[in-house]
Amino acid sequence: MAEPQRARPKPTPETQHFWDGTKAGELRLQRCDACAHVYFPPRPFCPSCAS
């Protein structure tokens, strides 16, 4: 029996760098310029300091 196909995520402006990294075999995470907190999943603001 064939494996079911998974839906592929559609990159957004916030996640595009992450998906580009997966194609390159890299794990790319965001780091806040204000407080240096590293976070995942990608989002438009820092979950630690909200900048």
PDB file of N, CA and C in Angstrom:
ATOM      1  N   MET A   1       0.844  -1.180   0.000  1.00  0.00           N
ATOM      2  CA  MET A   1       0.000   0.000   0.000  1.00  0.00           C
ATOM      3  C   MET A   1       0.890   1.244   0.000  1.00  0.00           C
ATOM      4  N   ALA A   2       0.534   2.215  -0.812  1.00  0.00           N
ATOM      5  CA  ALA A   2       1.316   3.446  -0.926  1.00  0.00           C
ATOM      6  C   ALA A   2       1.156   4.305   0.321  1.00  0.00           C
ATOM      7  N   GLU A   3       2.238   4.998   0.650  1.00  0.00           N
ATOM      8  CA  GLU A   3       2.206   5.926   1.782  1.00  0.00           C
ATOM      9  C   GLU A   3       1.339   7.133   1.416  1.00  0.00           C
ATOM     10  N   PRO A   4       0.522   7.628   2.336  1.00  0.00           N
ATOM     11  CA  PRO A   4      -0.277   8.827   2.039  1.00  0.00           C
ATOM     12  C   PRO A   4       0.629  10.052   1.908  1.00  0.00           C
ATOM     13  N   GLN A   5       0.277  10.949   1.028  1.00  0.00           N
ATOM     14  CA  GLN A   5       1.040  12.182   0.822  1.00  0.00           C
ATOM     15  C   GLN A   5       0.699  13.185   1.917  1.00  0.00           C
ATOM     16  N   ARG A   6       1.717  13.834   2.440  1.00  0.00           N
ATOM     17  CA  ARG A   6       1.503  14.903   3.422  1.00  0.00           C
ATOM     18  C   ARG A   6       1.402  16.238   2.700  1.00  0.00           C
ATOM     19  N   ALA A   7       0.601  17.102   3.245  1.00  0.00           N
ATOM     20  CA  ALA A   7       0.522  18.462   2.700  1.00  0.00           C
ATOM     21  C   ALA A   7       1.822  19.187   3.016  1.00  0.00           C
ATOM     22  N   ARG A   8       2.357  19.889   2.047  1.00  0.00           N
ATOM     23  CA  ARG A   8       3.598  20.636   2.264  1.00  0.00           C
ATOM     24  C   ARG A   8       3.269  22.026   2.785  1.00  0.00           C
ATOM     25  N   PRO A   9       4.022  22.482   3.798  1.00  0.00           N
ATOM     26  CA  PRO A   9       3.760  23.820   4.332  1.00  0.00           C
ATOM     27  C   PRO A   9       4.106  24.894   3.305  1.00  0.00           C
ATOM     28  N   LYS A  10       3.375  25.983   3.336  1.00  0.00           N
ATOM     29  CA  LYS A  10       3.653  27.113   2.458  1.00  0.00           C
ATOM     30  C   LYS A  10       4.461  28.142   3.247  1.00  0.00           C
ATOM     31  N   PRO A  11       5.674  28.471   2.767  1.00  0.00           N
ATOM     32  CA  PRO A  11       6.489  29.459   3.469  1.00  0.00           C
ATOM     33  C   PRO A  11       5.801  30.823   3.536  1.00  0.00           C
ATOM     34  N   THR A  12       6.023  31.490   4.650  1.00  0.00           N
ATOM     35  CA  THR A  12       5.564  32.864   4.839  1.00  0.00           C
ATOM     36  C   THR A  12       6.806  33.738   4.927  1.00  0.00           C
ATOM     37  N   PRO A  13       6.673  35.057   4.920  1.00  0.00           N
ATOM     38  CA  PRO A  13       7.866  35.896   5.077  1.00  0.00           C
ATOM     39  C   PRO A  13       8.646  35.578   6.362  1.00  0.00           C
ATOM     40  N   GLU A  14       7.942  35.199   7.430  1.00  0.00           N
ATOM     41  CA  GLU A  14       8.616  34.885   8.692  1.00  0.00           C
ATOM     42  C   GLU A  14       9.342  33.536   8.647  1.00  0.00           C
ATOM     43  N   THR A  15       8.870  32.596   7.826  1.00  0.00           N
ATOM     44  CA  THR A  15       9.447  31.242   7.822  1.00  0.00           C
ATOM     45  C   THR A  15      10.314  30.937   6.606  1.00  0.00           C
ATOM     46  N   GLN A  16      10.384  31.847   5.630  1.00  0.00           N
ATOM     47  CA  GLN A  16      11.117  31.563   4.394  1.00  0.00           C
ATOM     48  C   GLN A  16      12.573  31.192   4.661  1.00  0.00           C
ATOM     49  N   HIS A  17      13.276  31.916   5.550  1.00  0.00           N
ATOM     50  CA  HIS A  17      14.683  31.597   5.827  1.00  0.00           C
ATOM     51  C   HIS A  17      14.826  30.194   6.415  1.00  0.00           C
ATOM     52  N   PHE A  18      13.870  29.760   7.223  1.00  0.00           N
ATOM     53  CA  PHE A  18      13.902  28.412   7.795  1.00  0.00           C
ATOM     54  C   PHE A  18      13.802  27.367   6.685  1.00  0.00           C
ATOM     55  N   TRP A  19      12.839  27.529   5.766  1.00  0.00           N
ATOM     56  CA  TRP A  19      12.657  26.552   4.688  1.00  0.00           C
ATOM     57  C   TRP A  19      13.824  26.575   3.708  1.00  0.00           C
ATOM     58  N   ASP A  20      14.414  27.742   3.459  1.00  0.00           N
ATOM     59  CA  ASP A  20      15.617  27.802   2.624  1.00  0.00           C
ATOM     60  C   ASP A  20      16.747  27.008   3.278  1.00  0.00           C
ATOM     61  N   GLY A  21      16.849  27.092   4.593  1.00  0.00           N
ATOM     62  CA  GLY A  21      17.865  26.334   5.323  1.00  0.00           C
ATOM     63  C   GLY A  21      17.653  24.839   5.228  1.00  0.00           C
ATOM     64  N   THR A  22      16.405  24.378   5.299  1.00  0.00           N
ATOM     65  CA  THR A  22      16.164  22.933   5.196  1.00  0.00           C
ATOM     66  C   THR A  22      16.580  22.414   3.834  1.00  0.00           C
ATOM     67  N   LYS A  23      16.361  23.194   2.783  1.00  0.00           N
ATOM     68  CA  LYS A  23      16.806  22.785   1.440  1.00  0.00           C
ATOM     69  C   LYS A  23      18.323  22.690   1.371  1.00  0.00           C
ATOM     70  N   ALA A  24      19.013  23.529   2.149  1.00  0.00           N
ATOM     71  CA  ALA A  24      20.476  23.533   2.171  1.00  0.00           C
ATOM     72  C   ALA A  24      21.042  22.558   3.202  1.00  0.00           C
ATOM     73  N   GLY A  25      20.179  21.835   3.903  1.00  0.00           N
ATOM     74  CA  GLY A  25      20.642  20.890   4.920  1.00  0.00           C
ATOM     75  C   GLY A  25      21.051  21.563   6.217  1.00  0.00           C
ATOM     76  N   GLU A  26      20.517  22.742   6.485  1.00  0.00           N
ATOM     77  CA  GLU A  26      20.855  23.508   7.686  1.00  0.00           C
ATOM     78  C   GLU A  26      19.618  23.731   8.553  1.00  0.00           C
ATOM     79  N   LEU A  27      19.848  23.895   9.846  1.00  0.00           N
ATOM     80  CA  LEU A  27      18.776  24.277  10.762  1.00  0.00           C
ATOM     81  C   LEU A  27      18.980  25.754  11.076  1.00  0.00           C
ATOM     82  N   ARG A  28      18.116  26.600  10.570  1.00  0.00           N
ATOM     83  CA  ARG A  28      18.225  28.048  10.768  1.00  0.00           C
ATOM     84  C   ARG A  28      17.162  28.501  11.755  1.00  0.00           C
ATOM     85  N   LEU A  29      17.619  29.129  12.825  1.00  0.00           N
ATOM     86  CA  LEU A  29      16.725  29.637  13.864  1.00  0.00           C
ATOM     87  C   LEU A  29      16.844  31.154  13.918  1.00  0.00           C
ATOM     88  N   GLN A  30      15.867  31.796  14.506  1.00  0.00           N
ATOM     89  CA  GLN A  30      15.908  33.242  14.672  1.00  0.00           C
ATOM     90  C   GLN A  30      16.561  33.587  16.003  1.00  0.00           C
ATOM     91  N   ARG A  31      17.277  34.734  16.002  1.00  0.00           N
ATOM     92  CA  ARG A  31      17.855  35.261  17.239  1.00  0.00           C
ATOM     93  C   ARG A  31      17.472  36.724  17.326  1.00  0.00           C
ATOM     94  N   CYS A  32      16.960  37.100  18.468  1.00  0.00           N
ATOM     95  CA  CYS A  32      16.525  38.473  18.696  1.00  0.00           C
ATOM     96  C   CYS A  32      17.737  39.403  18.760  1.00  0.00           C
ATOM     97  N   ASP A  33      17.675  40.507  18.021  1.00  0.00           N
ATOM     98  CA  ASP A  33      18.753  41.501  18.062  1.00  0.00           C
ATOM     99  C   ASP A  33      18.791  42.240  19.395  1.00  0.00           C
ATOM    100  N   ALA A  34      17.649  42.372  20.056  1.00  0.00           N
ATOM    101  CA  ALA A  34      17.571  43.127  21.310  1.00  0.00           C
ATOM    102  C   ALA A  34      18.070  42.337  22.516  1.00  0.00           C
ATOM    103  N   CYS A  35      17.660  41.057  22.635  1.00  0.00           N
ATOM    104  CA  CYS A  35      18.004  40.305  23.850  1.00  0.00           C
ATOM    105  C   CYS A  35      18.806  39.026  23.585  1.00  0.00           C
ATOM    106  N   ALA A  36      19.080  38.715  22.322  1.00  0.00           N
ATOM    107  CA  ALA A  36      19.868  37.545  21.903  1.00  0.00           C
ATOM    108  C   ALA A  36      19.182  36.204  22.153  1.00  0.00           C
ATOM    109  N   HIS A  37      17.893  36.213  22.454  1.00  0.00           N
ATOM    110  CA  HIS A  37      17.139  34.968  22.653  1.00  0.00           C
ATOM    111  C   HIS A  37      16.987  34.249  21.309  1.00  0.00           C
ATOM    112  N   VAL A  38      17.279  32.933  21.280  1.00  0.00           N
ATOM    113  CA  VAL A  38      17.104  32.114  20.083  1.00  0.00           C
ATOM    114  C   VAL A  38      15.782  31.379  20.221  1.00  0.00           C
ATOM    115  N   TYR A  39      14.969  31.396  19.158  1.00  0.00           N
ATOM    116  CA  TYR A  39      13.640  30.801  19.287  1.00  0.00           C
ATOM    117  C   TYR A  39      13.175  30.101  18.010  1.00  0.00           C
ATOM    118  N   PHE A  40      12.265  29.189  18.219  1.00  0.00           N
ATOM    119  CA  PHE A  40      11.588  28.435  17.165  1.00  0.00           C
ATOM    120  C   PHE A  40      10.197  28.113  17.666  1.00  0.00           C
ATOM    121  N   PRO A  41       9.181  28.179  16.895  1.00  0.00           N
ATOM    122  CA  PRO A  41       9.135  28.415  15.457  1.00  0.00           C
ATOM    123  C   PRO A  41       9.325  29.887  15.114  1.00  0.00           C
ATOM    124  N   PRO A  42       9.659  30.168  13.859  1.00  0.00           N
ATOM    125  CA  PRO A  42       9.847  31.549  13.431  1.00  0.00           C
ATOM    126  C   PRO A  42       8.572  32.372  13.624  1.00  0.00           C
ATOM    127  N   ARG A  43       8.751  33.613  14.025  1.00  0.00           N
ATOM    128  CA  ARG A  43       7.620  34.532  14.199  1.00  0.00           C
ATOM    129  C   ARG A  43       8.118  35.961  14.058  1.00  0.00           C
ATOM    130  N   PRO A  44       7.224  36.911  13.866  1.00  0.00           N
ATOM    131  CA  PRO A  44       7.649  38.283  13.602  1.00  0.00           C
ATOM    132  C   PRO A  44       8.107  39.069  14.829  1.00  0.00           C
ATOM    133  N   PHE A  45       8.050  38.479  16.022  1.00  0.00           N
ATOM    134  CA  PHE A  45       8.476  39.181  17.236  1.00  0.00           C
ATOM    135  C   PHE A  45       9.158  38.183  18.168  1.00  0.00           C
ATOM    136  N   CYS A  46       9.947  38.683  19.089  1.00  0.00           N
ATOM    137  CA  CYS A  46      10.645  37.830  20.051  1.00  0.00           C
ATOM    138  C   CYS A  46       9.683  37.394  21.162  1.00  0.00           C
ATOM    139  N   PRO A  47       9.593  36.091  21.439  1.00  0.00           N
ATOM    140  CA  PRO A  47       8.701  35.640  22.504  1.00  0.00           C
ATOM    141  C   PRO A  47       9.231  35.965  23.900  1.00  0.00           C
ATOM    142  N   SER A  48      10.507  36.335  23.985  1.00  0.00           N
ATOM    143  CA  SER A  48      11.099  36.635  25.284  1.00  0.00           C
ATOM    144  C   SER A  48      10.908  38.103  25.684  1.00  0.00           C
ATOM    145  N   CYS A  49      11.206  39.013  24.743  1.00  0.00           N
ATOM    146  CA  CYS A  49      11.129  40.440  25.093  1.00  0.00           C
ATOM    147  C   CYS A  49      10.101  41.210  24.260  1.00  0.00           C
ATOM    148  N   ALA A  50       9.453  40.547  23.315  1.00  0.00           N
ATOM    149  CA  ALA A  50       8.412  41.129  22.455  1.00  0.00           C
ATOM    150  C   ALA A  50       8.913  42.238  21.533  1.00  0.00           C
ATOM    151  N   SER A  51      10.224  42.262  21.287  1.00  0.00           N
ATOM    152  CA  SER A  51      10.713  43.289  20.349  1.00  0.00           C
ATOM    153  C   SER A  51      10.670  42.795  18.925  1.00  0.00           C
TER     154      SER A  51
END
